[in-house]
Amino acid sequence: MLNREVIKDFLIAEFEDFTEIPDDINLDILAGDFADYVESDYYEWLRDNFKSYFFSNGVDGFSWDDVRERIKDFKPPPRV
């Protein structure tokens, strides 16, 4: 779940260069609705990528051996 306060600050910053948010638009409601929109789109994007990553050869083509091959050379970034 996205932090609504962060979303609200993001919206204020994005709009400040070209327009003001009208007084009749509740910023908390706008931030909540926008966050819901982004989360829905984000989860759909994750589902699509999950399917293409794990099932690139179709549902019957799933193989842990394929996953092992994909990740064998992956190096996690160093911790800061």
PDB file of N, CA and C in Angstrom:
ATOM      1  N   MET A   1       0.851  -1.184   0.000  1.00  0.00           N
ATOM      2  CA  MET A   1       0.000   0.000   0.000  1.00  0.00           C
ATOM      3  C   MET A   1       0.891   1.240   0.000  1.00  0.00           C
ATOM      4  N   LEU A   2       0.601   2.138  -0.902  1.00  0.00           N
ATOM      5  CA  LEU A   2       1.359   3.373  -1.004  1.00  0.00           C
ATOM      6  C   LEU A   2       1.004   4.322   0.136  1.00  0.00           C
ATOM      7  N   ASN A   3       1.991   5.046   0.597  1.00  0.00           N
ATOM      8  CA  ASN A   3       1.791   6.029   1.654  1.00  0.00           C
ATOM      9  C   ASN A   3       1.038   7.228   1.078  1.00  0.00           C
ATOM     10  N   ARG A   4      -0.154   7.475   1.592  1.00  0.00           N
ATOM     11  CA  ARG A   4      -1.006   8.540   1.044  1.00  0.00           C
ATOM     12  C   ARG A   4      -0.388   9.922   1.244  1.00  0.00           C
ATOM     13  N   GLU A   5       0.335  10.131   2.334  1.00  0.00           N
ATOM     14  CA  GLU A   5       0.983  11.426   2.558  1.00  0.00           C
ATOM     15  C   GLU A   5       2.083  11.666   1.521  1.00  0.00           C
ATOM     16  N   VAL A   6       2.814  10.621   1.191  1.00  0.00           N
ATOM     17  CA  VAL A   6       3.845  10.741   0.155  1.00  0.00           C
ATOM     18  C   VAL A   6       3.191  11.050  -1.184  1.00  0.00           C
ATOM     19  N   ILE A   7       2.082  10.384  -1.476  1.00  0.00           N
ATOM     20  CA  ILE A   7       1.354  10.640  -2.721  1.00  0.00           C
ATOM     21  C   ILE A   7       0.852  12.083  -2.753  1.00  0.00           C
ATOM     22  N   LYS A   8       0.328  12.543  -1.635  1.00  0.00           N
ATOM     23  CA  LYS A   8      -0.170  13.918  -1.566  1.00  0.00           C
ATOM     24  C   LYS A   8       0.973  14.907  -1.837  1.00  0.00           C
ATOM     25  N   ASP A   9       2.118  14.713  -1.198  1.00  0.00           N
ATOM     26  CA  ASP A   9       3.279  15.580  -1.439  1.00  0.00           C
ATOM     27  C   ASP A   9       3.725  15.506  -2.897  1.00  0.00           C
ATOM     28  N   PHE A  10       3.692  14.309  -3.474  1.00  0.00           N
ATOM     29  CA  PHE A  10       4.055  14.130  -4.880  1.00  0.00           C
ATOM     30  C   PHE A  10       3.112  14.934  -5.779  1.00  0.00           C
ATOM     31  N   LEU A  11       1.811  14.824  -5.547  1.00  0.00           N
ATOM     32  CA  LEU A  11       0.843  15.540  -6.375  1.00  0.00           C
ATOM     33  C   LEU A  11       1.030  17.056  -6.271  1.00  0.00           C
ATOM     34  N   ILE A  12       1.242  17.545  -5.062  1.00  0.00           N
ATOM     35  CA  ILE A  12       1.469  18.987  -4.869  1.00  0.00           C
ATOM     36  C   ILE A  12       2.683  19.433  -5.671  1.00  0.00           C
ATOM     37  N   ALA A  13       3.762  18.676  -5.577  1.00  0.00           N
ATOM     38  CA  ALA A  13       4.994  19.031  -6.288  1.00  0.00           C
ATOM     39  C   ALA A  13       4.801  18.975  -7.799  1.00  0.00           C
ATOM     40  N   GLU A  14       4.095  17.960  -8.283  1.00  0.00           N
ATOM     41  CA  GLU A  14       3.901  17.819  -9.729  1.00  0.00           C
ATOM     42  C   GLU A  14       3.007  18.914 -10.301  1.00  0.00           C
ATOM     43  N   PHE A  15       1.989  19.310  -9.553  1.00  0.00           N
ATOM     44  CA  PHE A  15       1.068  20.324 -10.058  1.00  0.00           C
ATOM     45  C   PHE A  15       1.606  21.744  -9.915  1.00  0.00           C
ATOM     46  N   GLU A  16       2.534  21.980  -8.994  1.00  0.00           N
ATOM     47  CA  GLU A  16       2.927  23.353  -8.684  1.00  0.00           C
ATOM     48  C   GLU A  16       3.563  24.090  -9.854  1.00  0.00           C
ATOM     49  N   ASP A  17       4.140  23.376 -10.800  1.00  0.00           N
ATOM     50  CA  ASP A  17       4.791  24.046 -11.925  1.00  0.00           C
ATOM     51  C   ASP A  17       3.821  24.553 -12.990  1.00  0.00           C
ATOM     52  N   PHE A  18       2.591  24.018 -13.012  1.00  0.00           N
ATOM     53  CA  PHE A  18       1.718  24.434 -14.108  1.00  0.00           C
ATOM     54  C   PHE A  18       0.280  24.745 -13.718  1.00  0.00           C
ATOM     55  N   THR A  19      -0.139  24.399 -12.524  1.00  0.00           N
ATOM     56  CA  THR A  19      -1.518  24.712 -12.134  1.00  0.00           C
ATOM     57  C   THR A  19      -1.671  24.579 -10.628  1.00  0.00           C
ATOM     58  N   GLU A  20      -2.742  25.143 -10.119  1.00  0.00           N
ATOM     59  CA  GLU A  20      -3.085  24.970  -8.708  1.00  0.00           C
ATOM     60  C   GLU A  20      -4.222  23.965  -8.604  1.00  0.00           C
ATOM     61  N   ILE A  21      -4.223  23.223  -7.520  1.00  0.00           N
ATOM     62  CA  ILE A  21      -5.328  22.296  -7.276  1.00  0.00           C
ATOM     63  C   ILE A  21      -6.519  23.135  -6.808  1.00  0.00           C
ATOM     64  N   PRO A  22      -7.663  23.032  -7.483  1.00  0.00           N
ATOM     65  CA  PRO A  22      -8.828  23.852  -7.112  1.00  0.00           C
ATOM     66  C   PRO A  22      -9.271  23.593  -5.673  1.00  0.00           C
ATOM     67  N   ASP A  23      -9.844  24.610  -5.070  1.00  0.00           N
ATOM     68  CA  ASP A  23     -10.303  24.510  -3.679  1.00  0.00           C
ATOM     69  C   ASP A  23     -11.375  23.447  -3.487  1.00  0.00           C
ATOM     70  N   ASP A  24     -12.162  23.176  -4.537  1.00  0.00           N
ATOM     71  CA  ASP A  24     -13.233  22.190  -4.384  1.00  0.00           C
ATOM     72  C   ASP A  24     -12.744  20.745  -4.574  1.00  0.00           C
ATOM     73  N   ILE A  25     -11.437  20.563  -4.777  1.00  0.00           N
ATOM     74  CA  ILE A  25     -10.849  19.219  -4.874  1.00  0.00           C
ATOM     75  C   ILE A  25     -10.165  18.916  -3.545  1.00  0.00           C
ATOM     76  N   ASN A  26     -10.678  17.936  -2.843  1.00  0.00           N
ATOM     77  CA  ASN A  26     -10.089  17.540  -1.563  1.00  0.00           C
ATOM     78  C   ASN A  26      -8.802  16.760  -1.842  1.00  0.00           C
ATOM     79  N   LEU A  27      -7.679  17.308  -1.385  1.00  0.00           N
ATOM     80  CA  LEU A  27      -6.387  16.717  -1.679  1.00  0.00           C
ATOM     81  C   LEU A  27      -6.231  15.326  -1.068  1.00  0.00           C
ATOM     82  N   ASP A  28      -6.801  15.096   0.105  1.00  0.00           N
ATOM     83  CA  ASP A  28      -6.733  13.762   0.712  1.00  0.00           C
ATOM     84  C   ASP A  28      -7.482  12.735  -0.129  1.00  0.00           C
ATOM     85  N   ILE A  29      -8.649  13.123  -0.612  1.00  0.00           N
ATOM     86  CA  ILE A  29      -9.436  12.221  -1.456  1.00  0.00           C
ATOM     87  C   ILE A  29      -8.741  12.001  -2.790  1.00  0.00           C
ATOM     88  N   LEU A  30      -8.219  13.077  -3.384  1.00  0.00           N
ATOM     89  CA  LEU A  30      -7.492  12.959  -4.639  1.00  0.00           C
ATOM     90  C   LEU A  30      -6.280  12.036  -4.482  1.00  0.00           C
ATOM     91  N   ALA A  31      -5.510  12.217  -3.405  1.00  0.00           N
ATOM     92  CA  ALA A  31      -4.332  11.377  -3.161  1.00  0.00           C
ATOM     93  C   ALA A  31      -4.738   9.926  -2.968  1.00  0.00           C
ATOM     94  N   GLY A  32      -5.812   9.683  -2.234  1.00  0.00           N
ATOM     95  CA  GLY A  32      -6.285   8.316  -2.020  1.00  0.00           C
ATOM     96  C   GLY A  32      -6.742   7.661  -3.308  1.00  0.00           C
ATOM     97  N   ASP A  33      -7.499   8.414  -4.106  1.00  0.00           N
ATOM     98  CA  ASP A  33      -7.998   7.863  -5.363  1.00  0.00           C
ATOM     99  C   ASP A  33      -6.849   7.603  -6.341  1.00  0.00           C
ATOM    100  N   PHE A  34      -5.909   8.538  -6.422  1.00  0.00           N
ATOM    101  CA  PHE A  34      -4.757   8.363  -7.307  1.00  0.00           C
ATOM    102  C   PHE A  34      -3.912   7.168  -6.851  1.00  0.00           C
ATOM    103  N   ALA A  35      -3.720   7.027  -5.547  1.00  0.00           N
ATOM    104  CA  ALA A  35      -2.958   5.893  -5.021  1.00  0.00           C
ATOM    105  C   ALA A  35      -3.641   4.575  -5.377  1.00  0.00           C
ATOM    106  N   ASP A  36      -4.959   4.519  -5.230  1.00  0.00           N
ATOM    107  CA  ASP A  36      -5.695   3.305  -5.613  1.00  0.00           C
ATOM    108  C   ASP A  36      -5.512   2.997  -7.093  1.00  0.00           C
ATOM    109  N   TYR A  37      -5.571   4.030  -7.916  1.00  0.00           N
ATOM    110  CA  TYR A  37      -5.371   3.868  -9.361  1.00  0.00           C
ATOM    111  C   TYR A  37      -3.981   3.298  -9.652  1.00  0.00           C
ATOM    112  N   VAL A  38      -2.961   3.887  -9.034  1.00  0.00           N
ATOM    113  CA  VAL A  38      -1.579   3.445  -9.254  1.00  0.00           C
ATOM    114  C   VAL A  38      -1.388   2.018  -8.758  1.00  0.00           C
ATOM    115  N   GLU A  39      -1.932   1.706  -7.583  1.00  0.00           N
ATOM    116  CA  GLU A  39      -1.779   0.360  -7.032  1.00  0.00           C
ATOM    117  C   GLU A  39      -2.444  -0.671  -7.930  1.00  0.00           C
ATOM    118  N   SER A  40      -3.622  -0.372  -8.441  1.00  0.00           N
ATOM    119  CA  SER A  40      -4.314  -1.311  -9.332  1.00  0.00           C
ATOM    120  C   SER A  40      -3.493  -1.550 -10.587  1.00  0.00           C
ATOM    121  N   ASP A  41      -3.005  -0.480 -11.168  1.00  0.00           N
ATOM    122  CA  ASP A  41      -2.195  -0.588 -12.374  1.00  0.00           C
ATOM    123  C   ASP A  41      -0.886  -1.312 -12.074  1.00  0.00           C
ATOM    124  N   TYR A  42      -0.293  -1.019 -10.937  1.00  0.00           N
ATOM    125  CA  TYR A  42       0.970  -1.626 -10.524  1.00  0.00           C
ATOM    126  C   TYR A  42       0.822  -3.135 -10.344  1.00  0.00           C
ATOM    127  N   TYR A  43      -0.236  -3.562  -9.676  1.00  0.00           N
ATOM    128  CA  TYR A  43      -0.429  -4.992  -9.464  1.00  0.00           C
ATOM    129  C   TYR A  43      -0.728  -5.722 -10.767  1.00  0.00           C
ATOM    130  N   GLU A  44      -1.428  -5.075 -11.668  1.00  0.00           N
ATOM    131  CA  GLU A  44      -1.676  -5.684 -12.981  1.00  0.00           C
ATOM    132  C   GLU A  44      -0.359  -5.827 -13.740  1.00  0.00           C
ATOM    133  N   TRP A  45       0.474  -4.801 -13.658  1.00  0.00           N
ATOM    134  CA  TRP A  45       1.792  -4.840 -14.290  1.00  0.00           C
ATOM    135  C   TRP A  45       2.634  -5.975 -13.691  1.00  0.00           C
ATOM    136  N   LEU A  46       2.590  -6.115 -12.354  1.00  0.00           N
ATOM    137  CA  LEU A  46       3.326  -7.213 -11.704  1.00  0.00           C
ATOM    138  C   LEU A  46       2.812  -8.574 -12.170  1.00  0.00           C
ATOM    139  N   ARG A  47       1.488  -8.733 -12.275  1.00  0.00           N
ATOM    140  CA  ARG A  47       0.915 -10.002 -12.744  1.00  0.00           C
ATOM    141  C   ARG A  47       1.385 -10.333 -14.150  1.00  0.00           C
ATOM    142  N   ASP A  48       1.376  -9.336 -15.024  1.00  0.00           N
ATOM    143  CA  ASP A  48       1.823  -9.562 -16.406  1.00  0.00           C
ATOM    144  C   ASP A  48       3.293  -9.971 -16.439  1.00  0.00           C
ATOM    145  N   ASN A  49       4.109  -9.295 -15.660  1.00  0.00           N
ATOM    146  CA  ASN A  49       5.526  -9.623 -15.635  1.00  0.00           C
ATOM    147  C   ASN A  49       5.788 -10.968 -14.972  1.00  0.00           C
ATOM    148  N   PHE A  50       5.003 -11.316 -13.974  1.00  0.00           N
ATOM    149  CA  PHE A  50       5.112 -12.629 -13.346  1.00  0.00           C
ATOM    150  C   PHE A  50       4.884 -13.725 -14.381  1.00  0.00           C
ATOM    151  N   LYS A  51       3.816 -13.532 -15.169  1.00  0.00           N
ATOM    152  CA  LYS A  51       3.495 -14.533 -16.195  1.00  0.00           C
ATOM    153  C   LYS A  51       4.606 -14.650 -17.228  1.00  0.00           C
ATOM    154  N   SER A  52       5.119 -13.522 -17.695  1.00  0.00           N
ATOM    155  CA  SER A  52       6.151 -13.594 -18.725  1.00  0.00           C
ATOM    156  C   SER A  52       7.480 -14.098 -18.168  1.00  0.00           C
ATOM    157  N   TYR A  53       7.769 -13.846 -16.908  1.00  0.00           N
ATOM    158  CA  TYR A  53       9.010 -14.319 -16.296  1.00  0.00           C
ATOM    159  C   TYR A  53       8.969 -15.822 -16.033  1.00  0.00           C
ATOM    160  N   PHE A  54       7.887 -16.282 -15.420  1.00  0.00           N
ATOM    161  CA  PHE A  54       7.808 -17.684 -14.998  1.00  0.00           C
ATOM    162  C   PHE A  54       7.174 -18.616 -16.029  1.00  0.00           C
ATOM    163  N   PHE A  55       6.364 -18.059 -16.922  1.00  0.00           N
ATOM    164  CA  PHE A  55       5.628 -18.902 -17.861  1.00  0.00           C
ATOM    165  C   PHE A  55       5.876 -18.463 -19.301  1.00  0.00           C
ATOM    166  N   SER A  56       7.117 -18.138 -19.618  1.00  0.00           N
ATOM    167  CA  SER A  56       7.423 -17.640 -20.958  1.00  0.00           C
ATOM    168  C   SER A  56       7.119 -18.678 -22.035  1.00  0.00           C
ATOM    169  N   ASN A  57       7.066 -19.950 -21.652  1.00  0.00           N
ATOM    170  CA  ASN A  57       6.734 -21.016 -22.606  1.00  0.00           C
ATOM    171  C   ASN A  57       5.310 -21.515 -22.412  1.00  0.00           C
ATOM    172  N   GLY A  58       4.463 -20.703 -21.810  1.00  0.00           N
ATOM    173  CA  GLY A  58       3.082 -21.113 -21.532  1.00  0.00           C
ATOM    174  C   GLY A  58       2.998 -21.802 -20.181  1.00  0.00           C
ATOM    175  N   VAL A  59       1.797 -21.943 -19.672  1.00  0.00           N
ATOM    176  CA  VAL A  59       1.575 -22.531 -18.348  1.00  0.00           C
ATOM    177  C   VAL A  59       2.206 -23.913 -18.237  1.00  0.00           C
ATOM    178  N   ASP A  60       2.111 -24.704 -19.285  1.00  0.00           N
ATOM    179  CA  ASP A  60       2.694 -26.042 -19.249  1.00  0.00           C
ATOM    180  C   ASP A  60       4.216 -26.002 -19.326  1.00  0.00           C
ATOM    181  N   GLY A  61       4.774 -24.812 -19.642  1.00  0.00           N
ATOM    182  CA  GLY A  61       6.206 -24.686 -19.791  1.00  0.00           C
ATOM    183  C   GLY A  61       6.929 -24.274 -18.522  1.00  0.00           C
ATOM    184  N   PHE A  62       6.192 -24.168 -17.390  1.00  0.00           N
ATOM    185  CA  PHE A  62       6.848 -23.762 -16.149  1.00  0.00           C
ATOM    186  C   PHE A  62       7.856 -24.815 -15.711  1.00  0.00           C
ATOM    187  N   SER A  63       9.018 -24.315 -15.297  1.00  0.00           N
ATOM    188  CA  SER A  63      10.062 -25.228 -14.843  1.00  0.00           C
ATOM    189  C   SER A  63      10.968 -24.506 -13.851  1.00  0.00           C
ATOM    190  N   TRP A  64      11.170 -25.136 -12.701  1.00  0.00           N
ATOM    191  CA  TRP A  64      12.117 -24.560 -11.744  1.00  0.00           C
ATOM    192  C   TRP A  64      13.531 -24.579 -12.321  1.00  0.00           C
ATOM    193  N   ASP A  65      13.809 -25.489 -13.217  1.00  0.00           N
ATOM    194  CA  ASP A  65      15.118 -25.492 -13.872  1.00  0.00           C
ATOM    195  C   ASP A  65      15.317 -24.214 -14.689  1.00  0.00           C
ATOM    196  N   ASP A  66      14.249 -23.756 -15.354  1.00  0.00           N
ATOM    197  CA  ASP A  66      14.327 -22.493 -16.090  1.00  0.00           C
ATOM    198  C   ASP A  66      14.591 -21.329 -15.139  1.00  0.00           C
ATOM    199  N   VAL A  67      13.930 -21.350 -13.991  1.00  0.00           N
ATOM    200  CA  VAL A  67      14.134 -20.293 -12.998  1.00  0.00           C
ATOM    201  C   VAL A  67      15.580 -20.333 -12.499  1.00  0.00           C
ATOM    202  N   ARG A  68      16.073 -21.507 -12.199  1.00  0.00           N
ATOM    203  CA  ARG A  68      17.466 -21.630 -11.750  1.00  0.00           C
ATOM    204  C   ARG A  68      18.432 -21.055 -12.783  1.00  0.00           C
ATOM    205  N   GLU A  69      18.154 -21.315 -14.048  1.00  0.00           N
ATOM    206  CA  GLU A  69      19.002 -20.804 -15.125  1.00  0.00           C
ATOM    207  C   GLU A  69      18.956 -19.274 -15.174  1.00  0.00           C
ATOM    208  N   ARG A  70      17.754 -18.720 -14.990  1.00  0.00           N
ATOM    209  CA  ARG A  70      17.600 -17.262 -15.007  1.00  0.00           C
ATOM    210  C   ARG A  70      18.390 -16.593 -13.895  1.00  0.00           C
ATOM    211  N   ILE A  71      18.375 -17.187 -12.708  1.00  0.00           N
ATOM    212  CA  ILE A  71      18.947 -16.505 -11.548  1.00  0.00           C
ATOM    213  C   ILE A  71      20.394 -16.879 -11.254  1.00  0.00           C
ATOM    214  N   LYS A  72      20.965 -17.801 -11.988  1.00  0.00           N
ATOM    215  CA  LYS A  72      22.297 -18.297 -11.640  1.00  0.00           C
ATOM    216  C   LYS A  72      23.367 -17.200 -11.654  1.00  0.00           C
ATOM    217  N   ASP A  73      23.245 -16.204 -12.514  1.00  0.00           N
ATOM    218  CA  ASP A  73      24.254 -15.155 -12.606  1.00  0.00           C
ATOM    219  C   ASP A  73      23.844 -13.841 -11.923  1.00  0.00           C
ATOM    220  N   PHE A  74      22.679 -13.850 -11.274  1.00  0.00           N
ATOM    221  CA  PHE A  74      22.204 -12.637 -10.624  1.00  0.00           C
ATOM    222  C   PHE A  74      23.046 -12.344  -9.397  1.00  0.00           C
ATOM    223  N   LYS A  75      23.467 -11.106  -9.289  1.00  0.00           N
ATOM    224  CA  LYS A  75      24.233 -10.645  -8.123  1.00  0.00           C
ATOM    225  C   LYS A  75      23.445  -9.509  -7.465  1.00  0.00           C
ATOM    226  N   PRO A  76      23.022  -9.726  -6.236  1.00  0.00           N
ATOM    227  CA  PRO A  76      22.285  -8.638  -5.559  1.00  0.00           C
ATOM    228  C   PRO A  76      23.196  -7.424  -5.384  1.00  0.00           C
ATOM    229  N   PRO A  77      22.611  -6.227  -5.424  1.00  0.00           N
ATOM    230  CA  PRO A  77      23.433  -5.032  -5.212  1.00  0.00           C
ATOM    231  C   PRO A  77      23.987  -5.022  -3.781  1.00  0.00           C
ATOM    232  N   PRO A  78      25.144  -4.412  -3.590  1.00  0.00           N
ATOM    233  CA  PRO A  78      25.715  -4.371  -2.237  1.00  0.00           C
ATOM    234  C   PRO A  78      24.843  -3.539  -1.319  1.00  0.00           C
ATOM    235  N   ARG A  79      24.802  -3.915  -0.072  1.00  0.00           N
ATOM    236  CA  ARG A  79      24.041  -3.143   0.925  1.00  0.00           C
ATOM    237  C   ARG A  79      24.832  -1.911   1.316  1.00  0.00           C
ATOM    238  N   VAL A  80      24.104  -0.837   1.483  1.00  0.00           N
ATOM    239  CA  VAL A  80      24.762   0.431   1.837  1.00  0.00           C
ATOM    240  C   VAL A  80      24.756   0.622   3.313  1.00  0.00           C
TER     241      VAL A  80
END
